[in-house]
N, C-alpha and C. Protein backbone atom coordinates (compact mmCIF):
# COMPACT_ATOMS: atom_id res chain seq x y z
N MET A 1 0.84 -1.18 0.00
CA MET A 1 0.00 0.00 0.00
C MET A 1 0.89 1.24 0.00
N ALA A 2 0.56 2.18 -0.86
CA ALA A 2 1.30 3.43 -0.96
C ALA A 2 0.35 4.59 -0.64
N ARG A 3 0.94 5.72 -0.44
CA ARG A 3 0.18 6.93 -0.14
C ARG A 3 0.26 7.88 -1.33
N PHE A 4 -0.88 8.33 -1.80
CA PHE A 4 -0.96 9.24 -2.94
C PHE A 4 -1.56 10.57 -2.51
N LEU A 5 -1.09 11.62 -3.15
CA LEU A 5 -1.63 12.96 -2.91
C LEU A 5 -2.29 13.45 -4.19
N ILE A 6 -3.56 13.80 -4.06
CA ILE A 6 -4.28 14.46 -5.14
C ILE A 6 -4.18 15.95 -4.87
N ILE A 7 -3.63 16.69 -5.82
CA ILE A 7 -3.51 18.14 -5.68
C ILE A 7 -4.52 18.75 -6.63
N GLU A 8 -5.43 19.51 -6.08
CA GLU A 8 -6.48 20.10 -6.91
C GLU A 8 -6.42 21.61 -6.88
N ALA A 9 -6.64 22.19 -8.05
CA ALA A 9 -6.83 23.63 -8.19
C ALA A 9 -8.34 23.84 -8.21
N ARG A 10 -8.89 24.23 -7.07
CA ARG A 10 -10.33 24.28 -6.90
C ARG A 10 -10.88 25.57 -7.48
N PHE A 11 -11.58 25.45 -8.58
CA PHE A 11 -12.22 26.61 -9.18
C PHE A 11 -13.64 26.25 -9.58
N TYR A 12 -13.79 25.16 -10.29
CA TYR A 12 -15.12 24.66 -10.67
C TYR A 12 -15.44 23.48 -9.75
N ASP A 13 -16.09 23.78 -8.64
CA ASP A 13 -16.30 22.77 -7.59
C ASP A 13 -16.90 21.47 -8.11
N HIS A 14 -17.99 21.57 -8.87
CA HIS A 14 -18.69 20.36 -9.32
C HIS A 14 -17.81 19.52 -10.25
N LEU A 15 -17.01 20.16 -11.08
CA LEU A 15 -16.12 19.42 -11.98
C LEU A 15 -14.97 18.79 -11.20
N ASN A 16 -14.40 19.55 -10.28
CA ASN A 16 -13.31 19.01 -9.47
C ASN A 16 -13.79 17.83 -8.64
N ASP A 17 -14.98 17.94 -8.08
CA ASP A 17 -15.51 16.83 -7.28
C ASP A 17 -15.60 15.55 -8.11
N MET A 18 -16.01 15.68 -9.36
CA MET A 18 -16.10 14.52 -10.24
C MET A 18 -14.72 13.95 -10.56
N LEU A 19 -13.77 14.83 -10.86
CA LEU A 19 -12.41 14.38 -11.17
C LEU A 19 -11.77 13.70 -9.97
N ILE A 20 -11.95 14.29 -8.80
CA ILE A 20 -11.38 13.70 -7.58
C ILE A 20 -12.01 12.35 -7.29
N ALA A 21 -13.31 12.25 -7.46
CA ALA A 21 -13.99 10.98 -7.22
C ALA A 21 -13.43 9.88 -8.13
N GLY A 22 -13.21 10.21 -9.39
CA GLY A 22 -12.65 9.23 -10.32
C GLY A 22 -11.24 8.81 -9.93
N ALA A 23 -10.41 9.79 -9.57
CA ALA A 23 -9.04 9.48 -9.16
C ALA A 23 -9.01 8.68 -7.87
N ARG A 24 -9.81 9.12 -6.91
CA ARG A 24 -9.85 8.44 -5.61
C ARG A 24 -10.30 6.99 -5.78
N ALA A 25 -11.31 6.75 -6.59
CA ALA A 25 -11.81 5.39 -6.80
C ALA A 25 -10.72 4.48 -7.34
N VAL A 26 -9.97 4.95 -8.33
CA VAL A 26 -8.91 4.13 -8.92
C VAL A 26 -7.83 3.82 -7.88
N LEU A 27 -7.40 4.84 -7.16
CA LEU A 27 -6.32 4.66 -6.19
C LEU A 27 -6.75 3.78 -5.02
N GLU A 28 -7.94 4.02 -4.49
CA GLU A 28 -8.41 3.22 -3.36
C GLU A 28 -8.70 1.78 -3.78
N ASN A 29 -9.23 1.59 -4.98
CA ASN A 29 -9.48 0.23 -5.48
C ASN A 29 -8.18 -0.53 -5.68
N ALA A 30 -7.09 0.19 -5.88
CA ALA A 30 -5.78 -0.44 -6.01
C ALA A 30 -5.12 -0.64 -4.63
N GLY A 31 -5.82 -0.25 -3.56
CA GLY A 31 -5.35 -0.49 -2.21
C GLY A 31 -4.48 0.60 -1.62
N HIS A 32 -4.55 1.80 -2.16
CA HIS A 32 -3.69 2.89 -1.70
C HIS A 32 -4.46 3.90 -0.85
N ASP A 33 -3.72 4.58 0.01
CA ASP A 33 -4.26 5.68 0.79
C ASP A 33 -4.23 6.94 -0.05
N VAL A 34 -5.21 7.81 0.18
CA VAL A 34 -5.33 9.03 -0.62
C VAL A 34 -5.57 10.23 0.27
N GLU A 35 -4.86 11.30 0.00
CA GLU A 35 -5.11 12.60 0.62
C GLU A 35 -5.36 13.60 -0.49
N VAL A 36 -6.08 14.67 -0.16
CA VAL A 36 -6.36 15.72 -1.13
C VAL A 36 -5.85 17.04 -0.57
N LEU A 37 -5.14 17.77 -1.41
CA LEU A 37 -4.62 19.09 -1.07
C LEU A 37 -5.17 20.09 -2.08
N THR A 38 -5.67 21.20 -1.60
CA THR A 38 -6.22 22.24 -2.48
C THR A 38 -5.25 23.40 -2.58
N VAL A 39 -5.01 23.85 -3.82
CA VAL A 39 -4.17 25.02 -4.08
C VAL A 39 -5.00 26.05 -4.84
N PRO A 40 -4.52 27.31 -4.88
CA PRO A 40 -5.32 28.37 -5.50
C PRO A 40 -5.63 28.19 -6.98
N GLY A 41 -4.69 27.67 -7.75
CA GLY A 41 -4.93 27.54 -9.19
C GLY A 41 -4.02 26.51 -9.81
N ALA A 42 -4.24 26.24 -11.10
CA ALA A 42 -3.46 25.22 -11.81
C ALA A 42 -1.97 25.55 -11.85
N LEU A 43 -1.63 26.82 -11.87
CA LEU A 43 -0.22 27.19 -11.89
C LEU A 43 0.50 26.83 -10.60
N GLU A 44 -0.24 26.69 -9.51
CA GLU A 44 0.36 26.34 -8.23
C GLU A 44 0.52 24.83 -8.02
N ILE A 45 -0.09 24.03 -8.87
CA ILE A 45 -0.02 22.58 -8.70
C ILE A 45 1.41 22.05 -8.77
N PRO A 46 2.22 22.41 -9.78
CA PRO A 46 3.59 21.87 -9.79
C PRO A 46 4.40 22.25 -8.55
N GLY A 47 4.25 23.47 -8.08
CA GLY A 47 4.96 23.89 -6.87
C GLY A 47 4.53 23.09 -5.66
N ALA A 48 3.25 22.83 -5.55
CA ALA A 48 2.74 22.04 -4.43
C ALA A 48 3.26 20.60 -4.49
N ILE A 49 3.33 20.04 -5.69
CA ILE A 49 3.87 18.69 -5.83
C ILE A 49 5.34 18.68 -5.42
N ALA A 50 6.09 19.68 -5.86
CA ALA A 50 7.51 19.75 -5.51
C ALA A 50 7.70 19.84 -4.00
N LEU A 51 6.89 20.66 -3.34
CA LEU A 51 7.00 20.78 -1.88
C LEU A 51 6.62 19.47 -1.19
N ALA A 52 5.55 18.83 -1.66
CA ALA A 52 5.12 17.56 -1.07
C ALA A 52 6.17 16.48 -1.29
N ALA A 53 6.81 16.50 -2.46
CA ALA A 53 7.83 15.49 -2.76
C ALA A 53 9.01 15.61 -1.80
N GLU A 54 9.35 16.82 -1.41
CA GLU A 54 10.45 17.01 -0.46
C GLU A 54 10.17 16.34 0.88
N SER A 55 8.90 16.21 1.22
CA SER A 55 8.53 15.58 2.50
C SER A 55 8.70 14.07 2.46
N GLN A 56 8.76 13.49 1.28
CA GLN A 56 8.88 12.05 1.08
C GLN A 56 7.76 11.26 1.76
N GLN A 57 6.59 11.87 1.85
CA GLN A 57 5.43 11.21 2.45
C GLN A 57 4.57 10.46 1.43
N TYR A 58 4.78 10.74 0.14
CA TYR A 58 3.87 10.22 -0.88
C TYR A 58 4.63 9.45 -1.96
N ALA A 59 4.00 8.40 -2.43
CA ALA A 59 4.59 7.61 -3.51
C ALA A 59 4.26 8.19 -4.88
N GLY A 60 3.14 8.90 -4.96
CA GLY A 60 2.70 9.45 -6.24
C GLY A 60 1.72 10.57 -6.07
N TYR A 61 1.43 11.22 -7.20
CA TYR A 61 0.62 12.43 -7.19
C TYR A 61 -0.34 12.43 -8.38
N VAL A 62 -1.50 13.03 -8.15
CA VAL A 62 -2.47 13.23 -9.22
C VAL A 62 -2.85 14.70 -9.22
N ALA A 63 -2.61 15.35 -10.35
CA ALA A 63 -2.95 16.77 -10.51
C ALA A 63 -4.37 16.87 -11.07
N ILE A 64 -5.20 17.67 -10.41
CA ILE A 64 -6.60 17.81 -10.81
C ILE A 64 -6.95 19.29 -10.92
N GLY A 65 -7.61 19.64 -11.99
CA GLY A 65 -8.08 21.01 -12.18
C GLY A 65 -8.79 21.13 -13.51
N VAL A 66 -9.40 22.29 -13.72
CA VAL A 66 -10.12 22.56 -14.96
C VAL A 66 -9.76 23.97 -15.40
N VAL A 67 -9.28 24.07 -16.63
CA VAL A 67 -8.96 25.37 -17.23
C VAL A 67 -9.82 25.48 -18.48
N ILE A 68 -10.75 26.43 -18.46
CA ILE A 68 -11.66 26.65 -19.59
C ILE A 68 -11.22 27.90 -20.34
N ARG A 69 -11.11 27.76 -21.66
CA ARG A 69 -10.68 28.88 -22.50
C ARG A 69 -11.60 30.08 -22.28
N GLY A 70 -10.97 31.21 -22.12
CA GLY A 70 -11.72 32.46 -22.00
C GLY A 70 -11.41 33.36 -23.18
N GLU A 71 -11.57 34.65 -22.97
CA GLU A 71 -11.37 35.61 -24.05
C GLU A 71 -9.95 36.15 -24.12
N THR A 72 -9.10 35.75 -23.19
CA THR A 72 -7.75 36.30 -23.16
C THR A 72 -6.71 35.21 -23.33
N TYR A 73 -5.46 35.60 -23.41
CA TYR A 73 -4.33 34.70 -23.57
C TYR A 73 -4.05 33.91 -22.29
N HIS A 74 -4.70 34.25 -21.21
CA HIS A 74 -4.47 33.61 -19.91
C HIS A 74 -4.61 32.09 -20.00
N PHE A 75 -5.55 31.60 -20.77
CA PHE A 75 -5.77 30.16 -20.93
C PHE A 75 -4.49 29.46 -21.38
N GLU A 76 -3.84 30.01 -22.42
CA GLU A 76 -2.63 29.39 -22.95
C GLU A 76 -1.52 29.36 -21.92
N ILE A 77 -1.39 30.44 -21.16
CA ILE A 77 -0.35 30.50 -20.13
C ILE A 77 -0.61 29.43 -19.07
N VAL A 78 -1.82 29.39 -18.54
CA VAL A 78 -2.14 28.45 -17.47
C VAL A 78 -2.04 27.01 -17.95
N ALA A 79 -2.63 26.72 -19.10
CA ALA A 79 -2.60 25.36 -19.63
C ALA A 79 -1.17 24.90 -19.91
N GLY A 80 -0.42 25.73 -20.61
CA GLY A 80 0.93 25.34 -21.00
C GLY A 80 1.91 25.27 -19.85
N GLU A 81 1.88 26.27 -18.99
CA GLU A 81 2.86 26.32 -17.90
C GLU A 81 2.58 25.30 -16.81
N SER A 82 1.32 25.02 -16.54
CA SER A 82 1.04 23.97 -15.53
C SER A 82 1.48 22.61 -16.07
N ALA A 83 1.22 22.35 -17.35
CA ALA A 83 1.66 21.09 -17.96
C ALA A 83 3.19 21.01 -18.00
N ARG A 84 3.84 22.11 -18.32
CA ARG A 84 5.31 22.13 -18.36
C ARG A 84 5.89 21.83 -16.98
N GLY A 85 5.32 22.45 -15.95
CA GLY A 85 5.80 22.20 -14.59
C GLY A 85 5.62 20.76 -14.16
N ILE A 86 4.49 20.19 -14.49
CA ILE A 86 4.24 18.78 -14.15
C ILE A 86 5.18 17.87 -14.92
N MET A 87 5.41 18.18 -16.19
CA MET A 87 6.32 17.37 -16.99
C MET A 87 7.74 17.44 -16.43
N ALA A 88 8.17 18.61 -16.01
CA ALA A 88 9.52 18.75 -15.43
C ALA A 88 9.66 17.88 -14.19
N LEU A 89 8.64 17.86 -13.35
CA LEU A 89 8.68 17.02 -12.15
C LEU A 89 8.68 15.54 -12.51
N SER A 90 7.94 15.19 -13.54
CA SER A 90 7.93 13.79 -14.01
C SER A 90 9.31 13.39 -14.51
N MET A 91 9.96 14.31 -15.20
CA MET A 91 11.30 14.03 -15.72
C MET A 91 12.31 13.88 -14.58
N ASP A 92 11.98 14.45 -13.42
CA ASP A 92 12.83 14.28 -12.24
C ASP A 92 12.56 12.95 -11.52
N GLY A 93 11.60 12.17 -12.05
CA GLY A 93 11.36 10.85 -11.51
C GLY A 93 10.15 10.71 -10.61
N LEU A 94 9.33 11.75 -10.49
CA LEU A 94 8.12 11.63 -9.67
C LEU A 94 7.02 10.92 -10.45
N ALA A 95 6.23 10.14 -9.74
CA ALA A 95 5.09 9.44 -10.34
C ALA A 95 3.88 10.37 -10.29
N ILE A 96 3.56 10.97 -11.43
CA ILE A 96 2.49 11.97 -11.48
C ILE A 96 1.54 11.62 -12.62
N GLY A 97 0.25 11.75 -12.34
CA GLY A 97 -0.77 11.68 -13.37
C GLY A 97 -1.37 13.06 -13.53
N ASN A 98 -1.43 13.55 -14.75
CA ASN A 98 -1.94 14.90 -15.01
C ASN A 98 -3.41 14.84 -15.40
N GLY A 99 -4.27 15.26 -14.48
CA GLY A 99 -5.71 15.30 -14.72
C GLY A 99 -6.24 16.72 -14.80
N ILE A 100 -5.41 17.64 -15.25
CA ILE A 100 -5.86 19.02 -15.43
C ILE A 100 -6.52 19.12 -16.80
N LEU A 101 -7.81 19.35 -16.80
CA LEU A 101 -8.54 19.48 -18.06
C LEU A 101 -8.29 20.86 -18.66
N THR A 102 -8.00 20.91 -19.94
CA THR A 102 -7.88 22.17 -20.66
C THR A 102 -8.87 22.09 -21.82
N VAL A 103 -9.97 22.81 -21.67
CA VAL A 103 -11.10 22.64 -22.58
C VAL A 103 -11.62 23.98 -23.08
N GLU A 104 -12.46 23.90 -24.08
CA GLU A 104 -13.06 25.09 -24.66
C GLU A 104 -14.27 25.59 -23.88
N ASN A 105 -15.00 24.66 -23.22
CA ASN A 105 -16.24 25.06 -22.55
C ASN A 105 -16.59 24.05 -21.45
N GLU A 106 -17.58 24.40 -20.67
CA GLU A 106 -17.97 23.55 -19.55
C GLU A 106 -18.55 22.22 -20.02
N GLU A 107 -19.23 22.20 -21.15
CA GLU A 107 -19.78 20.95 -21.66
C GLU A 107 -18.67 19.92 -21.91
N GLN A 108 -17.57 20.35 -22.52
CA GLN A 108 -16.44 19.45 -22.73
C GLN A 108 -15.87 18.97 -21.40
N ALA A 109 -15.80 19.87 -20.44
CA ALA A 109 -15.26 19.51 -19.13
C ALA A 109 -16.14 18.49 -18.43
N LEU A 110 -17.45 18.65 -18.52
CA LEU A 110 -18.37 17.70 -17.88
C LEU A 110 -18.19 16.29 -18.42
N VAL A 111 -18.07 16.16 -19.74
CA VAL A 111 -17.89 14.85 -20.35
C VAL A 111 -16.59 14.22 -19.87
N ARG A 112 -15.54 15.01 -19.78
CA ARG A 112 -14.24 14.49 -19.39
C ARG A 112 -14.13 14.20 -17.90
N ALA A 113 -14.86 14.94 -17.09
CA ALA A 113 -14.79 14.77 -15.63
C ALA A 113 -15.66 13.61 -15.15
N ASP A 114 -16.74 13.35 -15.81
CA ASP A 114 -17.71 12.33 -15.39
C ASP A 114 -17.10 10.94 -15.46
N SER A 115 -17.11 10.23 -14.34
CA SER A 115 -16.51 8.90 -14.30
C SER A 115 -17.27 7.88 -15.15
N SER A 116 -18.52 8.18 -15.50
CA SER A 116 -19.26 7.27 -16.36
C SER A 116 -19.05 7.58 -17.85
N GLN A 117 -18.28 8.63 -18.13
CA GLN A 117 -17.97 8.98 -19.51
C GLN A 117 -16.46 8.87 -19.74
N LYS A 118 -15.74 9.96 -19.81
CA LYS A 118 -14.30 9.91 -20.11
C LYS A 118 -13.44 9.64 -18.88
N ASP A 119 -13.91 9.98 -17.70
CA ASP A 119 -13.22 9.70 -16.43
C ASP A 119 -11.75 10.10 -16.44
N LYS A 120 -11.47 11.35 -16.76
CA LYS A 120 -10.09 11.82 -16.83
C LYS A 120 -9.41 11.84 -15.45
N GLY A 121 -10.17 11.96 -14.38
CA GLY A 121 -9.59 11.84 -13.04
C GLY A 121 -9.08 10.43 -12.80
N GLY A 122 -9.88 9.45 -13.17
CA GLY A 122 -9.47 8.06 -13.06
C GLY A 122 -8.29 7.74 -13.96
N GLU A 123 -8.29 8.29 -15.17
CA GLU A 123 -7.17 8.06 -16.09
C GLU A 123 -5.88 8.65 -15.53
N ALA A 124 -5.97 9.83 -14.91
CA ALA A 124 -4.78 10.45 -14.33
C ALA A 124 -4.23 9.59 -13.19
N ALA A 125 -5.13 9.03 -12.39
CA ALA A 125 -4.70 8.14 -11.30
C ALA A 125 -4.03 6.89 -11.86
N LYS A 126 -4.59 6.34 -12.94
CA LYS A 126 -3.98 5.16 -13.57
C LYS A 126 -2.59 5.50 -14.11
N ALA A 127 -2.42 6.71 -14.63
CA ALA A 127 -1.10 7.13 -15.12
C ALA A 127 -0.11 7.22 -13.97
N ALA A 128 -0.54 7.77 -12.84
CA ALA A 128 0.34 7.86 -11.67
C ALA A 128 0.73 6.46 -11.19
N LEU A 129 -0.21 5.54 -11.18
CA LEU A 129 0.09 4.16 -10.79
C LEU A 129 1.07 3.51 -11.76
N ALA A 130 0.89 3.76 -13.04
CA ALA A 130 1.80 3.19 -14.04
C ALA A 130 3.21 3.74 -13.86
N MET A 131 3.32 5.03 -13.56
CA MET A 131 4.63 5.62 -13.35
C MET A 131 5.28 5.09 -12.07
N LEU A 132 4.48 4.82 -11.06
CA LEU A 132 5.01 4.23 -9.83
C LEU A 132 5.56 2.83 -10.11
N ASP A 133 4.84 2.08 -10.94
CA ASP A 133 5.34 0.75 -11.33
C ASP A 133 6.66 0.85 -12.09
N LEU A 134 6.78 1.86 -12.95
CA LEU A 134 8.05 2.04 -13.68
C LEU A 134 9.19 2.41 -12.72
N GLN A 135 8.88 3.22 -11.72
CA GLN A 135 9.91 3.54 -10.72
C GLN A 135 10.44 2.26 -10.09
N ALA A 136 9.53 1.38 -9.70
CA ALA A 136 9.92 0.13 -9.05
C ALA A 136 10.72 -0.75 -10.02
N LYS A 137 10.30 -0.80 -11.28
CA LYS A 137 11.00 -1.62 -12.27
C LYS A 137 12.44 -1.17 -12.45
N PHE A 138 12.66 0.14 -12.53
CA PHE A 138 13.99 0.64 -12.82
C PHE A 138 14.83 0.88 -11.56
N ALA A 139 14.21 0.72 -10.40
CA ALA A 139 14.97 0.89 -9.15
C ALA A 139 15.86 -0.32 -8.86
N GLY A 140 15.57 -1.39 -9.53
CA GLY A 140 16.43 -2.56 -9.34
C GLY A 140 15.66 -3.69 -8.88
């Protein structure tokens, strides 16, 4: 049994709740403990993962959030930079699943967040589990 941290950028409560439920179900069904940490926005998720990793309390991480395109360039900054930060941490060897939705509208987000449809929260948790397995494989 391992301990996982779900880091969520809480903005769209109903969508985040669905994503977290999907991630939690996958991790708990695999026999792991789960904690949830809330940060102000998607840009803060990589920093929170980095801080949590320093504590060595968690085997893996699942990033959860929803970024919906608006009328400004802000969408591109948040979507790209949060993904870049998570990728950098993954390249450092952390087991992370990226469940930050970057969508055009709420309808797309609902389909992706719903565990009975695309279940992107569950998929992100499965990615974190797969990366944890790779860590074990290459650790010797």
